[in-house]
Amino acid sequence: MEFKRKILSTIKDKGLVKDGDHLVMGLSGGPDSLSLYDALKDLRLDNLKTGGKFGLDFTVHPVHVNHKFRPGAAEEDQAYCEELCREVSKTVDGFDPVRVFVVDCNALAEELGMTGEEAGRKARYDAFRTVGYEVMERYGCGPDDVKILVAQNADDQAETILFRILRGTGPDGLAGIAYERDDESGFKVIRPILNIKRAEIEEYCLSKGLEPRRDHTNEEALYARNKIRLELLPYLEKEYNPNIVDTLNRLGRLAGEDKEFMNSEATKAYEEALIGENTLDIRKLDAMEPALRKRVYARALSAVGMTENITEKHLFAIDRLRTSLNHPEAVAELTEGFRVSKKKKELRFYRV
């Protein structure tokens, strides 16, 4: 089937999964994760039936998080995933029953001072990491053998890129969602259906007789992301470009290639400018083009633990510190205790 072939092709072309890997998979019960789960089941069966000639050799460890956002419906989603995985685990070697985590994300959001969406994401990735560590202990393997699998699709990619454009993103933001990224836990997060449209996913579910769960809040234009999906993208598709999803995905691929190249160059420049522990030579920085120098700052911040939420404001503050003449020893305070200090011709990056 075309859907399964696309997933296998993406996995192999991008090197997302190797034989023997253990996949910790987010399973909400919705169309995206359900279709991916079903396709992985078939790929695993292909491998078992052909003695390893076709398909892939992996294990799957589904994870379901009940965020308690939708009382009643959330419990039905949970029960659906539990029953589905219980039946599959009986017949497909290497597929575990689902691990369920129940988290009151509204209470978590209030406790941590974040949005409900942010709390939900935190709950999911905390659950993925917990299961990932359990899998490592169970199989006696390392983090390179465990992948966190999420089911974002081509429409999600288009929505993300458009959302970032509307918020004023820089070039890197145009790259959208990556097929693979490093999680802070040491695991890789992979997205094997990022090139498959939502319509293809729905068609696959219909053809396989799958009955995904539906989150009615996804059909309410209450939040920016929902408005983009339900109102803006359909409007752009109708009035300006019938292939807007493909166009935005192409933009993401091109921007991603540029991002990868520039980050590679920034790593080289960072290593050349490094003169001590988390300390850069200002004279080397002075000789760099601004675009490269800012990426070197970001690389230096990443080295001390600041891997997210690096803004133009932070990079400008560091650059202003670099060129400051009126104070031989000055400090740029960024966020969450991250700082950069200047002493003579050196910039030191650290966290207090």
C-alpha atoms as a PDB file:
ATOM      1  CA  MET A   1       0.000   0.000   0.000  1.00  0.00           C
ATOM      2  CA  GLU A   2       1.237   3.495  -0.916  1.00  0.00           C
ATOM      3  CA  PHE A   3       0.936   4.842   2.619  1.00  0.00           C
ATOM      4  CA  LYS A   4       3.107   2.102   4.107  1.00  0.00           C
ATOM      5  CA  ARG A   5       5.581   2.384   1.218  1.00  0.00           C
ATOM      6  CA  LYS A   6       5.947   6.130   1.826  1.00  0.00           C
ATOM      7  CA  ILE A   7       6.696   5.602   5.504  1.00  0.00           C
ATOM      8  CA  LEU A   8       9.269   2.893   4.797  1.00  0.00           C
ATOM      9  CA  SER A   9      10.884   5.063   2.105  1.00  0.00           C
ATOM     10  CA  THR A  10      11.105   8.060   4.463  1.00  0.00           C
ATOM     11  CA  ILE A  11      12.544   5.952   7.272  1.00  0.00           C
ATOM     12  CA  LYS A  12      15.234   4.499   5.008  1.00  0.00           C
ATOM     13  CA  ASP A  13      16.049   7.646   3.006  1.00  0.00           C
ATOM     14  CA  LYS A  14      16.506   9.739   6.130  1.00  0.00           C
ATOM     15  CA  GLY A  15      17.978   7.000   8.293  1.00  0.00           C
ATOM     16  CA  LEU A  16      15.337   7.477  10.973  1.00  0.00           C
ATOM     17  CA  VAL A  17      15.205   3.864  12.183  1.00  0.00           C
ATOM     18  CA  LYS A  18      17.753   1.047  12.012  1.00  0.00           C
ATOM     19  CA  ASP A  19      17.101  -2.645  12.507  1.00  0.00           C
ATOM     20  CA  GLY A  20      16.872  -3.485  16.195  1.00  0.00           C
ATOM     21  CA  ASP A  21      15.658  -0.046  17.291  1.00  0.00           C
ATOM     22  CA  HIS A  22      13.030   0.385  20.003  1.00  0.00           C
ATOM     23  CA  LEU A  23      10.313   2.912  19.146  1.00  0.00           C
ATOM     24  CA  VAL A  24       8.578   4.807  21.938  1.00  0.00           C
ATOM     25  CA  MET A  25       5.489   6.027  20.130  1.00  0.00           C
ATOM     26  CA  GLY A  26       2.935   8.639  21.097  1.00  0.00           C
ATOM     27  CA  LEU A  27      -0.540   7.180  20.509  1.00  0.00           C
ATOM     28  CA  SER A  28      -3.479   9.528  21.021  1.00  0.00           C
ATOM     29  CA  GLY A  29      -5.936   7.389  19.079  1.00  0.00           C
ATOM     30  CA  GLY A  30      -6.434  10.155  16.489  1.00  0.00           C
ATOM     31  CA  PRO A  31      -6.050   9.589  12.718  1.00  0.00           C
ATOM     32  CA  ASP A  32      -2.354  10.515  12.554  1.00  0.00           C
ATOM     33  CA  SER A  33      -0.999   8.306  15.313  1.00  0.00           C
ATOM     34  CA  LEU A  34      -3.474   5.489  14.611  1.00  0.00           C
ATOM     35  CA  SER A  35      -2.522   5.274  10.923  1.00  0.00           C
ATOM     36  CA  LEU A  36       1.187   5.314  11.776  1.00  0.00           C
ATOM     37  CA  TYR A  37       0.718   2.639  14.438  1.00  0.00           C
ATOM     38  CA  ASP A  38      -1.188   0.446  11.975  1.00  0.00           C
ATOM     39  CA  ALA A  39       1.445   0.896   9.246  1.00  0.00           C
ATOM     40  CA  LEU A  40       4.262   0.054  11.686  1.00  0.00           C
ATOM     41  CA  LYS A  41       2.374  -3.083  12.670  1.00  0.00           C
ATOM     42  CA  ASP A  42       2.267  -4.148   9.005  1.00  0.00           C
ATOM     43  CA  LEU A  43       5.955  -3.332   8.504  1.00  0.00           C
ATOM     44  CA  ARG A  44       6.818  -5.427  11.553  1.00  0.00           C
ATOM     45  CA  LEU A  45       4.671  -8.309  10.279  1.00  0.00           C
ATOM     46  CA  ASP A  46       6.324  -8.070   6.843  1.00  0.00           C
ATOM     47  CA  ASN A  47       9.691  -8.444   8.554  1.00  0.00           C
ATOM     48  CA  LEU A  48       8.603 -11.408  10.649  1.00  0.00           C
ATOM     49  CA  LYS A  49       6.887 -13.235   7.751  1.00  0.00           C
ATOM     50  CA  THR A  50       9.822 -12.827   5.355  1.00  0.00           C
ATOM     51  CA  GLY A  51      12.579 -13.640   7.809  1.00  0.00           C
ATOM     52  CA  GLY A  52      13.922 -10.092   7.687  1.00  0.00           C
ATOM     53  CA  LYS A  53      13.914  -9.670   3.882  1.00  0.00           C
ATOM     54  CA  PHE A  54      11.205  -6.984   3.907  1.00  0.00           C
ATOM     55  CA  GLY A  55       9.832  -4.451   6.360  1.00  0.00           C
ATOM     56  CA  LEU A  56      11.845  -3.445   9.398  1.00  0.00           C
ATOM     57  CA  ASP A  57      12.981  -5.150  12.590  1.00  0.00           C
ATOM     58  CA  PHE A  58      11.971  -2.989  15.570  1.00  0.00           C
ATOM     59  CA  THR A  59       9.893  -3.039  18.717  1.00  0.00           C
ATOM     60  CA  VAL A  60       7.075  -0.587  19.466  1.00  0.00           C
ATOM     61  CA  HIS A  61       6.242   0.781  22.914  1.00  0.00           C
ATOM     62  CA  PRO A  62       3.080   2.913  22.632  1.00  0.00           C
ATOM     63  CA  VAL A  63       2.479   5.729  25.101  1.00  0.00           C
ATOM     64  CA  HIS A  64      -0.874   7.407  25.705  1.00  0.00           C
ATOM     65  CA  VAL A  65      -1.198  10.561  27.804  1.00  0.00           C
ATOM     66  CA  ASN A  66      -4.598  11.438  29.218  1.00  0.00           C
ATOM     67  CA  HIS A  67      -4.266  15.207  29.651  1.00  0.00           C
ATOM     68  CA  LYS A  68      -7.662  15.439  31.413  1.00  0.00           C
ATOM     69  CA  PHE A  69      -8.594  18.345  29.152  1.00  0.00           C
ATOM     70  CA  ARG A  70     -11.855  16.706  28.018  1.00  0.00           C
ATOM     71  CA  PRO A  71     -13.518  14.872  30.912  1.00  0.00           C
ATOM     72  CA  GLY A  72     -15.292  11.753  29.698  1.00  0.00           C
ATOM     73  CA  ALA A  73     -13.951  11.881  26.141  1.00  0.00           C
ATOM     74  CA  ALA A  74     -10.358  11.699  27.408  1.00  0.00           C
ATOM     75  CA  GLU A  75     -11.155   8.530  29.344  1.00  0.00           C
ATOM     76  CA  GLU A  76     -12.831   7.041  26.249  1.00  0.00           C
ATOM     77  CA  ASP A  77      -9.704   7.818  24.193  1.00  0.00           C
ATOM     78  CA  GLN A  78      -7.606   6.107  26.838  1.00  0.00           C
ATOM     79  CA  ALA A  79      -9.805   3.002  26.885  1.00  0.00           C
ATOM     80  CA  TYR A  80      -9.737   2.864  23.078  1.00  0.00           C
ATOM     81  CA  CYS A  81      -5.913   2.880  22.985  1.00  0.00           C
ATOM     82  CA  GLU A  82      -5.682   0.340  25.790  1.00  0.00           C
ATOM     83  CA  GLU A  83      -7.972  -2.116  23.988  1.00  0.00           C
ATOM     84  CA  LEU A  84      -6.306  -1.582  20.599  1.00  0.00           C
ATOM     85  CA  CYS A  85      -2.785  -2.167  21.885  1.00  0.00           C
ATOM     86  CA  ARG A  86      -3.823  -5.067  24.063  1.00  0.00           C
ATOM     87  CA  GLU A  87      -5.146  -6.928  21.010  1.00  0.00           C
ATOM     88  CA  VAL A  88      -2.161  -6.075  18.791  1.00  0.00           C
ATOM     89  CA  SER A  89       0.353  -7.074  21.473  1.00  0.00           C
ATOM     90  CA  LYS A  90      -1.221 -10.541  21.578  1.00  0.00           C
ATOM     91  CA  THR A  91      -0.579 -11.206  17.886  1.00  0.00           C
ATOM     92  CA  VAL A  92       2.463  -9.103  16.861  1.00  0.00           C
ATOM     93  CA  ASP A  93       5.803  -9.922  18.447  1.00  0.00           C
ATOM     94  CA  GLY A  94       7.633  -6.792  19.591  1.00  0.00           C
ATOM     95  CA  PHE A  95       4.511  -4.666  20.164  1.00  0.00           C
ATOM     96  CA  ASP A  96       3.855  -3.805  23.815  1.00  0.00           C
ATOM     97  CA  PRO A  97       0.535  -2.951  25.455  1.00  0.00           C
ATOM     98  CA  VAL A  98       0.124   0.801  25.797  1.00  0.00           C
ATOM     99  CA  ARG A  99       1.654   2.662  28.763  1.00  0.00           C
ATOM    100  CA  VAL A 100      -0.865   5.211  30.046  1.00  0.00           C
ATOM    101  CA  PHE A 101      -0.001   8.399  31.916  1.00  0.00           C
ATOM    102  CA  VAL A 102      -2.793  10.487  33.452  1.00  0.00           C
ATOM    103  CA  VAL A 103      -1.766  14.107  33.998  1.00  0.00           C
ATOM    104  CA  ASP A 104      -3.977  17.015  35.045  1.00  0.00           C
ATOM    105  CA  CYS A 105      -2.458  19.453  32.563  1.00  0.00           C
ATOM    106  CA  ASN A 106      -4.616  22.399  33.617  1.00  0.00           C
ATOM    107  CA  ALA A 107      -3.260  22.056  37.148  1.00  0.00           C
ATOM    108  CA  LEU A 108       0.268  21.545  35.775  1.00  0.00           C
ATOM    109  CA  ALA A 109      -0.037  24.700  33.674  1.00  0.00           C
ATOM    110  CA  GLU A 110      -1.141  26.730  36.679  1.00  0.00           C
ATOM    111  CA  GLU A 111       1.627  25.295  38.851  1.00  0.00           C
ATOM    112  CA  LEU A 112       4.384  26.029  36.313  1.00  0.00           C
ATOM    113  CA  GLY A 113       2.979  29.280  34.924  1.00  0.00           C
ATOM    114  CA  MET A 114       2.576  28.044  31.359  1.00  0.00           C
ATOM    115  CA  THR A 115      -0.237  27.549  28.854  1.00  0.00           C
ATOM    116  CA  GLY A 116      -2.298  24.390  28.748  1.00  0.00           C
ATOM    117  CA  GLU A 117      -0.728  23.544  25.368  1.00  0.00           C
ATOM    118  CA  GLU A 118       2.773  23.868  26.842  1.00  0.00           C
ATOM    119  CA  ALA A 119       1.793  21.746  29.825  1.00  0.00           C
ATOM    120  CA  GLY A 120       0.394  19.072  27.514  1.00  0.00           C
ATOM    121  CA  ARG A 121       3.618  18.953  25.535  1.00  0.00           C
ATOM    122  CA  LYS A 122       5.660  18.712  28.729  1.00  0.00           C
ATOM    123  CA  ALA A 123       3.471  15.858  29.990  1.00  0.00           C
ATOM    124  CA  ARG A 124       3.872  13.950  26.725  1.00  0.00           C
ATOM    125  CA  TYR A 125       7.643  14.269  26.483  1.00  0.00           C
ATOM    126  CA  ASP A 126       8.102  13.486  30.174  1.00  0.00           C
ATOM    127  CA  ALA A 127       6.109  10.292  29.532  1.00  0.00           C
ATOM    128  CA  PHE A 128       8.122   9.435  26.401  1.00  0.00           C
ATOM    129  CA  ARG A 129      11.399   9.854  28.286  1.00  0.00           C
ATOM    130  CA  THR A 130      10.194   7.763  31.215  1.00  0.00           C
ATOM    131  CA  VAL A 131       9.303   4.886  28.894  1.00  0.00           C
ATOM    132  CA  GLY A 132      12.517   5.409  26.937  1.00  0.00           C
ATOM    133  CA  TYR A 133      14.592   4.910  30.096  1.00  0.00           C
ATOM    134  CA  GLU A 134      12.535   1.820  30.973  1.00  0.00           C
ATOM    135  CA  VAL A 135      13.156   0.390  27.501  1.00  0.00           C
ATOM    136  CA  MET A 136      16.905   0.996  27.826  1.00  0.00           C
ATOM    137  CA  GLU A 137      16.972  -0.896  31.123  1.00  0.00           C
ATOM    138  CA  ARG A 138      14.804  -3.709  29.795  1.00  0.00           C
ATOM    139  CA  TYR A 139      16.877  -4.338  26.668  1.00  0.00           C
ATOM    140  CA  GLY A 140      20.253  -3.312  28.048  1.00  0.00           C
ATOM    141  CA  CYS A 141      20.735  -0.769  25.273  1.00  0.00           C
ATOM    142  CA  GLY A 142      21.778   2.859  24.970  1.00  0.00           C
ATOM    143  CA  PRO A 143      19.846   5.988  23.926  1.00  0.00           C
ATOM    144  CA  ASP A 144      20.981   5.573  20.310  1.00  0.00           C
ATOM    145  CA  ASP A 145      18.830   2.443  20.113  1.00  0.00           C
ATOM    146  CA  VAL A 146      15.667   4.172  21.347  1.00  0.00           C
ATOM    147  CA  LYS A 147      13.637   6.595  19.219  1.00  0.00           C
ATOM    148  CA  ILE A 148      10.720   8.769  20.266  1.00  0.00           C
ATOM    149  CA  LEU A 149       8.141   8.567  17.495  1.00  0.00           C
ATOM    150  CA  VAL A 150       5.544  11.302  16.910  1.00  0.00           C
ATOM    151  CA  ALA A 151       2.951  11.501  14.150  1.00  0.00           C
ATOM    152  CA  GLN A 152       3.055  15.040  12.769  1.00  0.00           C
ATOM    153  CA  ASN A 153       2.119  15.286   9.105  1.00  0.00           C
ATOM    154  CA  ALA A 154       2.588  17.561   6.071  1.00  0.00           C
ATOM    155  CA  ASP A 155      -0.394  19.738   7.007  1.00  0.00           C
ATOM    156  CA  ASP A 156       1.070  20.202  10.494  1.00  0.00           C
ATOM    157  CA  GLN A 157       4.307  21.278   8.824  1.00  0.00           C
ATOM    158  CA  ALA A 158       2.534  23.854   6.653  1.00  0.00           C
ATOM    159  CA  GLU A 159       0.611  25.204   9.650  1.00  0.00           C
ATOM    160  CA  THR A 160       3.815  25.497  11.691  1.00  0.00           C
ATOM    161  CA  ILE A 161       5.675  27.409   8.970  1.00  0.00           C
ATOM    162  CA  LEU A 162       2.751  29.773   8.366  1.00  0.00           C
ATOM    163  CA  PHE A 163       2.320  30.305  12.108  1.00  0.00           C
ATOM    164  CA  ARG A 164       5.983  31.227  12.434  1.00  0.00           C
ATOM    165  CA  ILE A 165       5.817  33.618   9.464  1.00  0.00           C
ATOM    166  CA  LEU A 166       2.894  35.426  11.073  1.00  0.00           C
ATOM    167  CA  ARG A 167       4.857  35.759  14.328  1.00  0.00           C
ATOM    168  CA  GLY A 168       7.926  37.148  12.561  1.00  0.00           C
ATOM    169  CA  THR A 169      10.308  34.205  12.380  1.00  0.00           C
ATOM    170  CA  GLY A 170      13.888  34.285  11.141  1.00  0.00           C
ATOM    171  CA  PRO A 171      15.309  32.052   8.381  1.00  0.00           C
ATOM    172  CA  ASP A 172      15.692  29.023  10.647  1.00  0.00           C
ATOM    173  CA  GLY A 173      12.041  29.170  11.618  1.00  0.00           C
ATOM    174  CA  LEU A 174      11.073  28.707   7.970  1.00  0.00           C
ATOM    175  CA  ALA A 175      12.556  25.202   8.142  1.00  0.00           C
ATOM    176  CA  GLY A 176       9.562  24.197  10.238  1.00  0.00           C
ATOM    177  CA  ILE A 177       9.507  20.816  11.960  1.00  0.00           C
ATOM    178  CA  ALA A 178      12.517  18.525  11.479  1.00  0.00           C
ATOM    179  CA  TYR A 179      12.191  14.856  10.533  1.00  0.00           C
ATOM    180  CA  GLU A 180      14.689  14.172  13.298  1.00  0.00           C
ATOM    181  CA  ARG A 181      15.977  16.131  16.280  1.00  0.00           C
ATOM    182  CA  ASP A 182      17.934  15.461  19.436  1.00  0.00           C
ATOM    183  CA  ASP A 183      15.884  15.389  22.614  1.00  0.00           C
ATOM    184  CA  GLU A 184      17.457  16.705  25.808  1.00  0.00           C
ATOM    185  CA  SER A 185      17.299  13.153  27.194  1.00  0.00           C
ATOM    186  CA  GLY A 186      19.702  11.873  24.533  1.00  0.00           C
ATOM    187  CA  PHE A 187      17.003  10.148  22.463  1.00  0.00           C
ATOM    188  CA  LYS A 188      16.195  11.061  18.869  1.00  0.00           C
ATOM    189  CA  VAL A 189      12.688  12.376  18.143  1.00  0.00           C
ATOM    190  CA  ILE A 190      11.568  11.220  14.694  1.00  0.00           C
ATOM    191  CA  ARG A 191       8.589  12.051  12.469  1.00  0.00           C
ATOM    192  CA  PRO A 192       8.170   9.504   9.649  1.00  0.00           C
ATOM    193  CA  ILE A 193       4.859  10.852   8.239  1.00  0.00           C
ATOM    194  CA  LEU A 194       5.931  14.490   7.977  1.00  0.00           C
ATOM    195  CA  ASN A 195       5.648  14.280   4.169  1.00  0.00           C
ATOM    196  CA  ILE A 196       2.155  12.740   4.161  1.00  0.00           C
ATOM    197  CA  LYS A 197      -0.927  14.947   3.919  1.00  0.00           C
ATOM    198  CA  ARG A 198      -3.871  14.741   6.269  1.00  0.00           C
ATOM    199  CA  ALA A 199      -6.161  13.712   3.386  1.00  0.00           C
ATOM    200  CA  GLU A 200      -3.940  10.690   2.657  1.00  0.00           C
ATOM    201  CA  ILE A 201      -4.056   9.730   6.308  1.00  0.00           C
ATOM    202  CA  GLU A 202      -7.850   9.877   6.379  1.00  0.00           C
ATOM    203  CA  GLU A 203      -7.996   7.822   3.188  1.00  0.00           C
ATOM    204  CA  TYR A 204      -5.721   5.192   4.713  1.00  0.00           C
ATOM    205  CA  CYS A 205      -7.846   4.954   7.854  1.00  0.00           C
ATOM    206  CA  LEU A 206     -10.946   4.476   5.701  1.00  0.00           C
ATOM    207  CA  SER A 207      -9.317   1.845   3.501  1.00  0.00           C
ATOM    208  CA  LYS A 208      -8.105  -0.165   6.517  1.00  0.00           C
ATOM    209  CA  GLY A 209     -11.366   0.121   8.420  1.00  0.00           C
ATOM    210  CA  LEU A 210      -9.717   2.063  11.225  1.00  0.00           C
ATOM    211  CA  GLU A 211     -11.951   4.139  13.482  1.00  0.00           C
ATOM    212  CA  PRO A 212      -9.813   6.917  14.955  1.00  0.00           C
ATOM    213  CA  ARG A 213     -10.850   8.970  17.916  1.00  0.00           C
ATOM    214  CA  ARG A 214     -11.728  12.617  17.215  1.00  0.00           C
ATOM    215  CA  ASP A 215     -10.842  15.585  19.407  1.00  0.00           C
ATOM    216  CA  HIS A 216     -13.658  18.088  18.872  1.00  0.00           C
ATOM    217  CA  THR A 217     -11.498  20.938  20.192  1.00  0.00           C
ATOM    218  CA  ASN A 218      -9.383  20.623  17.029  1.00  0.00           C
ATOM    219  CA  GLU A 219     -12.434  21.773  15.067  1.00  0.00           C
ATOM    220  CA  GLU A 220     -12.948  24.942  17.122  1.00  0.00           C
ATOM    221  CA  ALA A 221     -11.259  28.109  15.842  1.00  0.00           C
ATOM    222  CA  LEU A 222     -10.405  29.362  19.326  1.00  0.00           C
ATOM    223  CA  TYR A 223      -6.608  29.372  19.172  1.00  0.00           C
ATOM    224  CA  ALA A 224      -4.131  30.728  16.631  1.00  0.00           C
ATOM    225  CA  ARG A 225      -3.062  27.287  15.385  1.00  0.00           C
ATOM    226  CA  ASN A 226      -6.655  26.154  14.975  1.00  0.00           C
ATOM    227  CA  LYS A 227      -7.549  29.354  13.135  1.00  0.00           C
ATOM    228  CA  ILE A 228      -4.669  28.817  10.733  1.00  0.00           C
ATOM    229  CA  ARG A 229      -5.778  25.229  10.068  1.00  0.00           C
ATOM    230  CA  LEU A 230      -9.515  25.848   9.871  1.00  0.00           C
ATOM    231  CA  GLU A 231      -9.662  29.333   8.338  1.00  0.00           C
ATOM    232  CA  LEU A 232      -6.426  30.750   6.933  1.00  0.00           C
ATOM    233  CA  LEU A 233      -5.011  27.740   5.056  1.00  0.00           C
ATOM    234  CA  PRO A 234      -8.374  26.876   3.409  1.00  0.00           C
ATOM    235  CA  TYR A 235      -8.745  30.553   2.401  1.00  0.00           C
ATOM    236  CA  LEU A 236      -5.249  30.670   0.894  1.00  0.00           C
ATOM    237  CA  GLU A 237      -5.895  27.373  -0.872  1.00  0.00           C
ATOM    238  CA  LYS A 238      -9.148  28.635  -2.368  1.00  0.00           C
ATOM    239  CA  GLU A 239      -8.180  32.195  -3.259  1.00  0.00           C
ATOM    240  CA  TYR A 240      -4.418  32.132  -3.924  1.00  0.00           C
ATOM    241  CA  ASN A 241      -2.768  28.741  -4.261  1.00  0.00           C
ATOM    242  CA  PRO A 242      -4.557  25.366  -4.416  1.00  0.00           C
ATOM    243  CA  ASN A 243      -1.226  23.709  -3.566  1.00  0.00           C
ATOM    244  CA  ILE A 244      -0.421  25.902  -0.561  1.00  0.00           C
ATOM    245  CA  VAL A 245       0.424  22.945   1.709  1.00  0.00           C
ATOM    246  CA  ASP A 246       2.923  21.584  -0.828  1.00  0.00           C
ATOM    247  CA  THR A 247       4.341  25.079  -1.366  1.00  0.00           C
ATOM    248  CA  LEU A 248       4.932  25.682   2.331  1.00  0.00           C
ATOM    249  CA  ASN A 249       6.460  22.229   2.735  1.00  0.00           C
ATOM    250  CA  ARG A 250       8.820  22.939  -0.158  1.00  0.00           C
ATOM    251  CA  LEU A 251       9.814  26.203   1.515  1.00  0.00           C
ATOM    252  CA  GLY A 252      10.495  24.245   4.692  1.00  0.00           C
ATOM    253  CA  ARG A 253      12.704  21.726   2.876  1.00  0.00           C
ATOM    254  CA  LEU A 254      14.775  24.450   1.183  1.00  0.00           C
ATOM    255  CA  ALA A 255      15.119  26.464   4.395  1.00  0.00           C
ATOM    256  CA  GLY A 256      16.058  23.268   6.214  1.00  0.00           C
ATOM    257  CA  GLU A 257      18.913  22.605   3.787  1.00  0.00           C
ATOM    258  CA  ASP A 258      20.221  26.154   4.288  1.00  0.00           C
ATOM    259  CA  LYS A 259      19.877  25.800   8.052  1.00  0.00           C
ATOM    260  CA  GLU A 260      21.803  22.536   8.074  1.00  0.00           C
ATOM    261  CA  PHE A 261      24.630  24.028   5.999  1.00  0.00           C
ATOM    262  CA  MET A 262      24.863  27.217   8.060  1.00  0.00           C
ATOM    263  CA  ASN A 263      24.838  25.299  11.322  1.00  0.00           C
ATOM    264  CA  SER A 264      27.654  23.111  10.023  1.00  0.00           C
ATOM    265  CA  GLU A 265      29.677  26.217   9.173  1.00  0.00           C
ATOM    266  CA  ALA A 266      28.828  27.728  12.563  1.00  0.00           C
ATOM    267  CA  THR A 267      30.137  24.649  14.358  1.00  0.00           C
ATOM    268  CA  LYS A 268      33.460  24.967  12.509  1.00  0.00           C
ATOM    269  CA  ALA A 269      33.654  28.686  13.294  1.00  0.00           C
ATOM    270  CA  TYR A 270      32.745  28.055  16.932  1.00  0.00           C
ATOM    271  CA  GLU A 271      35.524  25.497  17.318  1.00  0.00           C
ATOM    272  CA  GLU A 272      38.030  27.907  15.725  1.00  0.00           C
ATOM    273  CA  ALA A 273      36.994  30.722  18.091  1.00  0.00           C
ATOM    274  CA  LEU A 274      36.990  28.531  21.222  1.00  0.00           C
ATOM    275  CA  ILE A 275      39.961  29.387  23.433  1.00  0.00           C
ATOM    276  CA  GLY A 276      38.881  27.895  26.748  1.00  0.00           C
ATOM    277  CA  GLU A 277      35.943  26.295  28.488  1.00  0.00           C
ATOM    278  CA  ASN A 278      32.844  28.007  26.990  1.00  0.00           C
ATOM    279  CA  THR A 279      35.015  31.010  26.093  1.00  0.00           C
ATOM    280  CA  LEU A 280      35.322  32.603  22.636  1.00  0.00           C
ATOM    281  CA  ASP A 281      38.030  34.827  21.156  1.00  0.00           C
ATOM    282  CA  ILE A 282      36.454  38.202  20.310  1.00  0.00           C
ATOM    283  CA  ARG A 283      39.029  38.846  17.605  1.00  0.00           C
ATOM    284  CA  LYS A 284      37.848  35.707  15.776  1.00  0.00           C
ATOM    285  CA  LEU A 285      34.242  36.809  16.239  1.00  0.00           C
ATOM    286  CA  ASP A 286      35.035  40.274  14.859  1.00  0.00           C
ATOM    287  CA  ALA A 287      36.213  38.715  11.594  1.00  0.00           C
ATOM    288  CA  MET A 288      32.970  36.776  11.007  1.00  0.00           C
ATOM    289  CA  GLU A 289      29.981  37.805   8.924  1.00  0.00           C
ATOM    290  CA  PRO A 290      27.037  38.817  11.164  1.00  0.00           C
ATOM    291  CA  ALA A 291      24.864  35.853  10.094  1.00  0.00           C
ATOM    292  CA  LEU A 292      27.600  33.378  10.960  1.00  0.00           C
ATOM    293  CA  ARG A 293      28.568  35.163  14.179  1.00  0.00           C
ATOM    294  CA  LYS A 294      25.000  34.967  15.517  1.00  0.00           C
ATOM    295  CA  ARG A 295      24.914  31.232  14.857  1.00  0.00           C
ATOM    296  CA  VAL A 296      28.205  30.893  16.722  1.00  0.00           C
ATOM    297  CA  TYR A 297      26.591  32.671  19.698  1.00  0.00           C
ATOM    298  CA  ALA A 298      23.684  30.215  19.524  1.00  0.00           C
ATOM    299  CA  ARG A 299      26.128  27.303  19.349  1.00  0.00           C
ATOM    300  CA  ALA A 300      27.951  28.633  22.425  1.00  0.00           C
ATOM    301  CA  LEU A 301      24.685  29.024  24.330  1.00  0.00           C
ATOM    302  CA  SER A 302      23.709  25.478  23.422  1.00  0.00           C
ATOM    303  CA  ALA A 303      27.024  24.257  24.849  1.00  0.00           C
ATOM    304  CA  VAL A 304      26.059  25.619  28.291  1.00  0.00           C
ATOM    305  CA  GLY A 305      22.496  24.277  28.165  1.00  0.00           C
ATOM    306  CA  MET A 306      20.437  27.028  26.517  1.00  0.00           C
ATOM    307  CA  THR A 307      19.045  25.021  23.605  1.00  0.00           C
ATOM    308  CA  GLU A 308      15.607  26.634  23.233  1.00  0.00           C
ATOM    309  CA  ASN A 309      14.008  30.069  23.215  1.00  0.00           C
ATOM    310  CA  ILE A 310      17.101  31.875  21.945  1.00  0.00           C
ATOM    311  CA  THR A 311      15.739  35.148  20.561  1.00  0.00           C
ATOM    312  CA  GLU A 312      17.116  37.944  18.400  1.00  0.00           C
ATOM    313  CA  LYS A 313      17.095  40.087  21.526  1.00  0.00           C
ATOM    314  CA  HIS A 314      19.522  37.673  23.229  1.00  0.00           C
ATOM    315  CA  LEU A 315      21.855  37.555  20.223  1.00  0.00           C
ATOM    316  CA  PHE A 316      21.789  41.356  19.900  1.00  0.00           C
ATOM    317  CA  ALA A 317      22.694  41.709  23.594  1.00  0.00           C
ATOM    318  CA  ILE A 318      25.690  39.423  23.121  1.00  0.00           C
ATOM    319  CA  ASP A 319      26.787  41.308  20.018  1.00  0.00           C
ATOM    320  CA  ARG A 320      26.477  44.624  21.811  1.00  0.00           C
ATOM    321  CA  LEU A 321      28.602  43.202  24.620  1.00  0.00           C
ATOM    322  CA  ARG A 322      31.232  42.130  22.084  1.00  0.00           C
ATOM    323  CA  THR A 323      31.592  45.652  20.703  1.00  0.00           C
ATOM    324  CA  SER A 324      31.301  47.524  24.017  1.00  0.00           C
ATOM    325  CA  LEU A 325      34.212  49.892  24.707  1.00  0.00           C
ATOM    326  CA  ASN A 326      33.222  51.650  27.889  1.00  0.00           C
ATOM    327  CA  HIS A 327      33.599  48.760  30.313  1.00  0.00           C
ATOM    328  CA  PRO A 328      36.445  46.238  30.286  1.00  0.00           C
ATOM    329  CA  GLU A 329      34.386  43.691  32.228  1.00  0.00           C
ATOM    330  CA  ALA A 330      30.657  43.596  31.463  1.00  0.00           C
ATOM    331  CA  VAL A 331      27.855  41.015  31.566  1.00  0.00           C
ATOM    332  CA  ALA A 332      24.828  40.356  29.367  1.00  0.00           C
ATOM    333  CA  GLU A 333      22.030  38.723  31.370  1.00  0.00           C
ATOM    334  CA  LEU A 334      19.805  36.643  29.088  1.00  0.00           C
ATOM    335  CA  THR A 335      17.140  34.410  30.638  1.00  0.00           C
ATOM    336  CA  GLU A 336      16.825  31.626  33.223  1.00  0.00           C
ATOM    337  CA  GLY A 337      20.258  32.431  34.650  1.00  0.00           C
ATOM    338  CA  PHE A 338      22.164  32.255  31.368  1.00  0.00           C
ATOM    339  CA  ARG A 339      24.816  34.934  31.037  1.00  0.00           C
ATOM    340  CA  VAL A 340      27.684  36.066  28.855  1.00  0.00           C
ATOM    341  CA  SER A 341      30.587  38.036  30.300  1.00  0.00           C
ATOM    342  CA  LYS A 342      33.317  40.034  28.577  1.00  0.00           C
ATOM    343  CA  LYS A 343      36.874  40.279  29.807  1.00  0.00           C
ATOM    344  CA  LYS A 344      39.339  42.004  27.522  1.00  0.00           C
ATOM    345  CA  LYS A 345      39.117  40.056  24.231  1.00  0.00           C
ATOM    346  CA  GLU A 346      37.118  37.097  25.532  1.00  0.00           C
ATOM    347  CA  LEU A 347      33.425  36.226  25.787  1.00  0.00           C
ATOM    348  CA  ARG A 348      32.516  33.601  28.364  1.00  0.00           C
ATOM    349  CA  PHE A 349      29.155  31.796  28.244  1.00  0.00           C
ATOM    350  CA  TYR A 350      27.746  30.294  31.460  1.00  0.00           C
ATOM    351  CA  ARG A 351      24.740  29.783  33.712  1.00  0.00           C
ATOM    352  CA  VAL A 352      24.462  30.866  37.328  1.00  0.00           C
END
